[in-house]
């Protein structure tokens, strides 16, 4: 299980950096939700902002990652620094990302992804 969800996670992050989500469409649940800073998308909206280059992820520096296994649900927590271009402006933010995966008949699917901005010292922040 751990290997499967980490592989799916890595594939979706690679697709985001490449601004081409077409190869990961089947790894995302149809009713998935993505909660960013100030905006939330369904699956269609999330795919569009990357495919249309509304969000451009330039660098992702993962400092810490772990997986919690709940049987048919798994959650990956990532502490990272994300450099992106949003609305033409380059920004860099420290986040904790929560990725929730659910196991369906067709295998593991990403169901929810939430970005929480770290408002304290990044290095001192404990997950």
Protein backbone atom coordinates (compact mmCIF):
# COMPACT_ATOMS: atom_id res chain seq x y z
CA UNK A 1 0.00 0.00 0.00
CA UNK A 2 2.62 2.56 1.03
CA UNK A 3 4.56 2.08 -2.19
CA UNK A 4 1.41 2.44 -4.33
CA UNK A 5 0.21 5.74 -2.83
CA UNK A 6 3.72 7.19 -2.81
CA UNK A 7 4.10 6.27 -6.49
CA UNK A 8 0.75 7.92 -7.33
CA UNK A 9 1.73 10.99 -5.31
CA UNK A 10 5.09 11.25 -7.08
CA UNK A 11 3.44 10.87 -10.50
CA UNK A 12 0.92 13.64 -9.80
CA UNK A 13 3.62 16.02 -8.51
CA UNK A 14 5.77 15.27 -11.59
CA UNK A 15 2.75 15.98 -13.81
CA UNK A 16 2.13 19.29 -12.02
CA UNK A 17 5.73 20.36 -12.57
CA UNK A 18 5.46 19.38 -16.24
CA UNK A 19 2.14 21.28 -16.58
CA UNK A 20 0.63 18.18 -18.16
CA UNK A 21 -1.89 16.34 -16.01
CA UNK A 22 -3.20 14.13 -18.83
CA UNK A 23 -1.13 11.13 -17.74
CA UNK A 24 -2.49 11.10 -14.18
CA UNK A 25 -6.21 11.66 -14.80
CA UNK A 26 -7.02 8.03 -13.96
CA UNK A 27 -5.07 8.23 -10.67
CA UNK A 28 -7.42 10.93 -9.33
CA UNK A 29 -10.92 10.15 -8.04
CA UNK A 30 -13.68 11.72 -10.14
CA UNK A 31 -15.09 13.46 -7.03
CA UNK A 32 -11.67 14.64 -5.77
CA UNK A 33 -11.16 18.03 -4.09
CA UNK A 34 -8.07 20.25 -4.02
CA UNK A 35 -7.82 22.96 -1.36
CA UNK A 36 -5.19 25.60 -2.16
CA UNK A 37 -4.50 28.94 -0.48
CA UNK A 38 -7.66 30.93 -1.14
CA UNK A 39 -9.25 28.62 -3.72
CA UNK A 40 -10.70 25.13 -3.98
CA UNK A 41 -11.04 23.03 -7.13
CA UNK A 42 -12.78 19.87 -8.16
CA UNK A 43 -10.90 17.41 -10.37
CA UNK A 44 -11.73 19.27 -13.59
CA UNK A 45 -10.60 22.61 -12.15
CA UNK A 46 -7.35 21.19 -10.76
CA UNK A 47 -6.44 19.59 -14.07
CA UNK A 48 -7.22 22.81 -15.92
CA UNK A 49 -5.03 25.14 -13.81
CA UNK A 50 -1.98 23.01 -14.51
CA UNK A 51 -2.73 22.11 -18.12
CA UNK A 52 -3.49 25.80 -18.88
CA UNK A 53 -0.39 26.95 -16.94
CA UNK A 54 -2.44 29.09 -14.51
CA UNK A 55 -0.29 27.43 -11.80
CA UNK A 56 3.33 26.73 -12.75
CA UNK A 57 5.28 24.77 -10.15
CA UNK A 58 8.96 25.64 -10.59
CA UNK A 59 10.53 23.86 -7.60
CA UNK A 60 9.35 21.50 -4.88
CA UNK A 61 11.71 20.92 -1.96
CA UNK A 62 10.33 18.13 0.25
CA UNK A 63 11.84 18.30 3.74
CA UNK A 64 9.76 15.57 5.36
CA UNK A 65 7.18 12.99 4.29
CA UNK A 66 5.33 10.14 5.93
CA UNK A 67 2.34 7.89 5.24
CA UNK A 68 -0.46 6.91 7.61
CA UNK A 69 -2.28 3.68 6.64
CA UNK A 70 -5.94 3.30 7.63
CA UNK A 71 -6.76 0.21 5.57
CA UNK A 72 -8.83 1.41 2.61
CA UNK A 73 -7.65 5.00 3.21
CA UNK A 74 -4.10 6.35 3.33
CA UNK A 75 -2.80 9.85 3.98
CA UNK A 76 0.55 11.25 2.91
CA UNK A 77 1.80 14.26 4.84
CA UNK A 78 4.54 16.35 3.23
CA UNK A 79 6.42 19.32 4.67
CA UNK A 80 7.82 21.25 1.74
CA UNK A 81 8.77 24.55 0.21
CA UNK A 82 6.98 25.25 -3.05
CA UNK A 83 8.15 27.79 -5.60
CA UNK A 84 5.49 28.59 -8.17
CA UNK A 85 4.33 31.19 -10.64
CA UNK A 86 0.75 32.21 -9.90
CA UNK A 87 -0.90 34.96 -11.92
CA UNK A 88 2.45 35.86 -13.44
CA UNK A 89 4.12 36.36 -10.03
CA UNK A 90 6.74 34.00 -8.63
CA UNK A 91 5.99 33.03 -5.04
CA UNK A 92 7.63 30.73 -2.54
CA UNK A 93 5.69 29.25 0.37
CA UNK A 94 6.31 26.66 3.07
CA UNK A 95 3.47 24.13 3.26
CA UNK A 96 2.25 20.99 4.88
CA UNK A 97 0.42 19.05 2.19
CA UNK A 98 -2.11 16.38 3.10
CA UNK A 99 -2.95 13.90 0.35
CA UNK A 100 -5.82 11.52 1.06
CA UNK A 101 -6.02 8.32 -0.99
CA UNK A 102 -8.87 5.85 -1.09
CA UNK A 103 -8.78 2.29 -2.36
CA UNK A 104 -11.42 1.55 -4.99
CA UNK A 105 -11.97 -1.53 -7.14
CA UNK A 106 -9.66 0.00 -9.74
CA UNK A 107 -6.90 0.60 -7.17
CA UNK A 108 -5.73 3.59 -5.14
CA UNK A 109 -7.00 7.05 -6.13
CA UNK A 110 -6.12 10.53 -4.90
CA UNK A 111 -9.31 11.88 -3.28
CA UNK A 112 -8.25 15.07 -1.45
CA UNK A 113 -5.20 17.32 -1.50
CA UNK A 114 -4.93 20.19 0.99
CA UNK A 115 -2.24 22.88 1.22
CA UNK A 116 -1.70 24.41 4.67
CA UNK A 117 0.78 27.28 4.76
CA UNK A 118 3.29 27.06 7.60
CA UNK A 119 3.15 30.37 9.47
CA UNK A 120 6.06 29.71 11.85
CA UNK A 121 9.75 28.98 11.38
CA UNK A 122 9.96 26.21 8.73
CA UNK A 123 12.93 24.40 10.25
CA UNK A 124 11.40 24.37 13.73
CA UNK A 125 7.94 23.27 12.53
CA UNK A 126 7.12 19.73 13.66
CA UNK A 127 4.59 17.56 11.85
